[in-house]
Amino acid sequence: MMWLIFCGIIICFLIWVYNKIVRLENLFIEAESGVEVQLKRRYDLVPNLVRVITGYCAHETKMLEDVTILRTKAMTTEKLAQKECFENQFEQGICTILMLKEDYPDLKANDMFNQLQKDLVLIEDDLQHARRYYNGIVRKFNTFINLFPICLFQKILKVSTKPFFQLDGVHEKNVPSIKECLND
């Protein structure tokens, strides 16, 4: 009799653990999708920025082409964790594009360019929130599966830790954020 109660408790515990992991994995997928949506919004905005700038700064084409190539690489990379390197370089390229307004007063006065800058700030804010949510879910998931005694069942349940979405610390220290680029 005692053996049955013990087995029942173990089975209930495993069911609870499995269901919790499924819920957290679904939140992880949702959070990853949220980051992807914000990244796509940013990717979609960049060609418009490039078109507006091309008319004013014809000799800056190499830099604009480089940003376009980085955009393509970032867009075509499948896993979010692998996008971090491209995202760092891409963000630096966008900042460089936005800083062109200092060299081209006509560009600074362009309404379309100014609207694209405002849109970019909103997208960057949304992207920051999506990254924060994603990393919060990853933290909850990783903490849960590493708690004792749940960590004993990781192999049975075939779960492993999820990667955080991190920006390169060196990059963030050396390159101003998009908002800083927009401030006059």
Protein backbone atom coordinates (compact mmCIF):
# COMPACT_ATOMS: atom_id res chain seq x y z
CA MET A 1 0.00 0.00 0.00
CA MET A 2 2.75 2.44 0.96
CA TRP A 3 4.59 1.50 -2.23
CA LEU A 4 1.55 2.51 -4.34
CA ILE A 5 1.27 5.87 -2.61
CA PHE A 6 4.98 6.52 -3.15
CA CYS A 7 4.72 5.56 -6.85
CA GLY A 8 1.63 7.76 -7.21
CA ILE A 9 3.46 10.73 -5.71
CA ILE A 10 6.43 10.19 -8.03
CA ILE A 11 4.15 9.89 -11.08
CA CYS A 12 2.22 13.04 -10.11
CA PHE A 13 5.50 14.90 -9.60
CA LEU A 14 6.79 13.81 -13.02
CA ILE A 15 3.53 14.84 -14.67
CA TRP A 16 3.73 18.26 -12.97
CA VAL A 17 7.39 18.68 -14.04
CA TYR A 18 6.64 17.65 -17.62
CA ASN A 19 3.66 20.03 -17.86
CA LYS A 20 5.69 22.90 -16.39
CA ILE A 21 8.48 22.28 -18.91
CA VAL A 22 5.97 22.22 -21.78
CA ARG A 23 4.49 25.54 -20.58
CA LEU A 24 7.93 27.12 -20.28
CA GLU A 25 9.03 25.82 -23.68
CA ASN A 26 5.89 27.29 -25.24
CA LEU A 27 6.65 30.64 -23.57
CA PHE A 28 10.20 30.36 -24.91
CA ILE A 29 8.91 29.80 -28.45
CA GLU A 30 6.54 32.75 -28.06
CA ALA A 31 9.33 34.99 -26.74
CA GLU A 32 11.69 33.93 -29.52
CA SER A 33 8.97 34.71 -32.05
CA GLY A 34 8.47 38.14 -30.47
CA VAL A 35 12.15 38.97 -30.91
CA GLU A 36 12.03 37.70 -34.51
CA VAL A 37 9.02 39.93 -35.26
CA GLN A 38 10.81 43.01 -33.94
CA LEU A 39 13.97 42.13 -35.85
CA LYS A 40 11.91 41.73 -39.04
CA ARG A 41 10.34 45.15 -38.48
CA ARG A 42 13.84 46.61 -38.24
CA TYR A 43 15.00 44.67 -41.31
CA ASP A 44 12.00 45.99 -43.26
CA LEU A 45 12.75 49.59 -42.28
CA VAL A 46 16.39 49.59 -43.38
CA PRO A 47 15.79 49.41 -47.17
CA ASN A 48 13.65 52.55 -46.88
CA LEU A 49 16.42 54.29 -44.96
CA VAL A 50 18.95 53.23 -47.59
CA ARG A 51 16.74 54.49 -50.45
CA VAL A 52 16.29 57.90 -48.81
CA ILE A 53 19.99 58.24 -48.03
CA THR A 54 21.17 57.05 -51.46
CA GLY A 55 19.69 60.14 -53.09
CA TYR A 56 21.70 62.43 -50.82
CA CYS A 57 24.95 60.54 -50.35
CA ALA A 58 25.85 58.81 -53.58
CA HIS A 59 29.49 58.29 -52.58
CA GLU A 60 28.47 56.43 -49.39
CA THR A 61 27.31 53.40 -51.42
CA LYS A 62 29.97 51.01 -50.03
CA MET A 63 28.80 51.61 -46.48
CA LEU A 64 25.16 51.26 -47.51
CA GLU A 65 25.92 48.01 -49.35
CA ASP A 66 27.71 46.64 -46.27
CA VAL A 67 24.67 47.37 -44.09
CA THR A 68 22.42 45.73 -46.66
CA ILE A 69 24.63 42.62 -46.69
CA LEU A 70 24.58 42.47 -42.88
CA ARG A 71 20.80 42.81 -42.97
CA THR A 72 20.56 39.86 -45.36
CA LYS A 73 22.89 37.72 -43.23
CA ALA A 74 20.94 38.53 -40.08
CA MET A 75 17.62 37.81 -41.78
CA THR A 76 18.72 34.46 -43.22
CA THR A 77 20.32 33.11 -40.05
CA GLU A 78 17.88 30.57 -38.66
CA LYS A 79 18.58 30.47 -34.94
CA LEU A 80 18.20 33.51 -32.76
CA ALA A 81 21.33 32.68 -30.78
CA GLN A 82 23.41 32.74 -33.98
CA LYS A 83 22.02 36.13 -35.00
CA GLU A 84 23.76 37.96 -32.15
CA CYS A 85 27.01 38.57 -34.06
CA PHE A 86 25.21 39.87 -37.15
CA GLU A 87 22.85 41.94 -34.99
CA ASN A 88 25.77 43.68 -33.30
CA GLN A 89 27.35 44.59 -36.65
CA PHE A 90 23.99 45.47 -38.19
CA GLU A 91 23.12 47.83 -35.33
CA GLN A 92 26.49 49.51 -35.69
CA GLY A 93 25.81 49.94 -39.43
CA ILE A 94 22.40 51.50 -38.76
CA CYS A 95 23.98 53.89 -36.31
CA THR A 96 26.56 54.86 -38.93
CA ILE A 97 23.78 55.50 -41.45
CA LEU A 98 21.93 57.70 -38.99
CA MET A 99 25.06 59.68 -38.24
CA LEU A 100 25.28 60.66 -41.92
CA LYS A 101 22.72 63.36 -41.19
CA GLU A 102 25.51 65.38 -39.57
CA ASP A 103 27.43 65.48 -42.87
CA TYR A 104 24.39 66.12 -45.07
CA PRO A 105 22.16 68.99 -43.87
CA ASP A 106 19.65 68.32 -46.67
CA LEU A 107 19.22 64.77 -45.37
CA LYS A 108 18.67 66.08 -41.85
CA ALA A 109 15.81 68.26 -43.17
CA ASN A 110 14.18 65.42 -45.13
CA ASP A 111 10.76 64.56 -43.67
CA MET A 112 10.91 60.95 -44.82
CA PHE A 113 14.31 60.46 -43.18
CA ASN A 114 13.07 62.03 -39.95
CA GLN A 115 9.98 59.79 -39.92
CA LEU A 116 12.13 56.71 -40.56
CA GLN A 117 14.34 57.74 -37.62
CA LYS A 118 11.29 57.99 -35.35
CA ASP A 119 10.03 54.61 -36.55
CA LEU A 120 13.44 53.12 -35.88
CA VAL A 121 13.45 54.42 -32.31
CA LEU A 122 10.04 52.82 -31.70
CA ILE A 123 11.20 49.54 -33.22
CA GLU A 124 14.38 49.58 -31.12
CA ASP A 125 12.30 50.13 -27.97
CA ASP A 126 9.99 47.25 -28.89
CA LEU A 127 12.99 45.08 -29.70
CA GLN A 128 14.53 45.86 -26.32
CA HIS A 129 11.29 44.84 -24.59
CA ALA A 130 11.09 41.65 -26.66
CA ARG A 131 14.70 40.76 -25.79
CA ARG A 132 14.05 41.41 -22.12
CA TYR A 133 10.94 39.20 -22.17
CA TYR A 134 12.83 36.49 -24.07
CA ASN A 135 15.72 36.53 -21.60
CA GLY A 136 13.27 36.45 -18.67
CA ILE A 137 11.61 33.33 -20.06
CA VAL A 138 15.02 31.74 -20.71
CA ARG A 139 16.04 32.52 -17.12
CA LYS A 140 12.84 30.93 -15.74
CA PHE A 141 13.23 27.87 -17.96
CA ASN A 142 16.92 27.35 -17.20
CA THR A 143 16.40 27.87 -13.48
CA PHE A 144 13.50 25.42 -13.37
CA ILE A 145 15.26 22.59 -15.19
CA ASN A 146 18.41 23.03 -13.07
CA LEU A 147 16.61 22.89 -9.73
CA PHE A 148 17.01 19.77 -7.63
CA PRO A 149 15.42 17.18 -8.04
CA ILE A 150 14.21 18.25 -11.49
CA CYS A 151 17.79 18.29 -12.80
CA LEU A 152 17.87 14.52 -12.22
CA PHE A 153 15.19 14.09 -14.90
CA GLN A 154 16.71 16.34 -17.61
CA LYS A 155 17.94 13.45 -19.74
CA ILE A 156 14.71 11.51 -19.36
CA LEU A 157 12.66 14.55 -20.39
CA LYS A 158 15.21 15.48 -23.09
CA VAL A 159 15.53 19.11 -22.08
CA SER A 160 18.55 21.36 -21.97
CA THR A 161 19.18 24.98 -21.15
CA LYS A 162 18.19 27.66 -23.63
CA PRO A 163 20.58 30.42 -24.79
CA PHE A 164 20.14 34.01 -23.70
CA PHE A 165 19.98 36.71 -26.36
CA GLN A 166 22.96 38.87 -25.48
CA LEU A 167 24.61 41.73 -27.20
CA ASP A 168 28.37 41.75 -27.26
CA GLY A 169 29.49 43.72 -24.20
CA VAL A 170 32.48 45.24 -26.05
CA HIS A 171 30.18 46.38 -28.86
CA GLU A 172 27.80 48.07 -26.47
CA LYS A 173 30.63 49.91 -24.72
CA ASN A 174 32.25 51.20 -27.91
CA VAL A 175 29.25 52.04 -30.08
CA PRO A 176 26.48 54.43 -29.08
CA SER A 177 22.94 53.11 -29.12
CA ILE A 178 20.52 54.03 -31.89
CA LYS A 179 18.87 56.56 -29.54
CA GLU A 180 22.23 58.22 -28.94
CA CYS A 181 22.79 58.39 -32.71
CA LEU A 182 19.46 60.17 -33.12
CA ASN A 183 20.06 62.77 -30.43
CA ASP A 184 21.31 66.06 -31.80
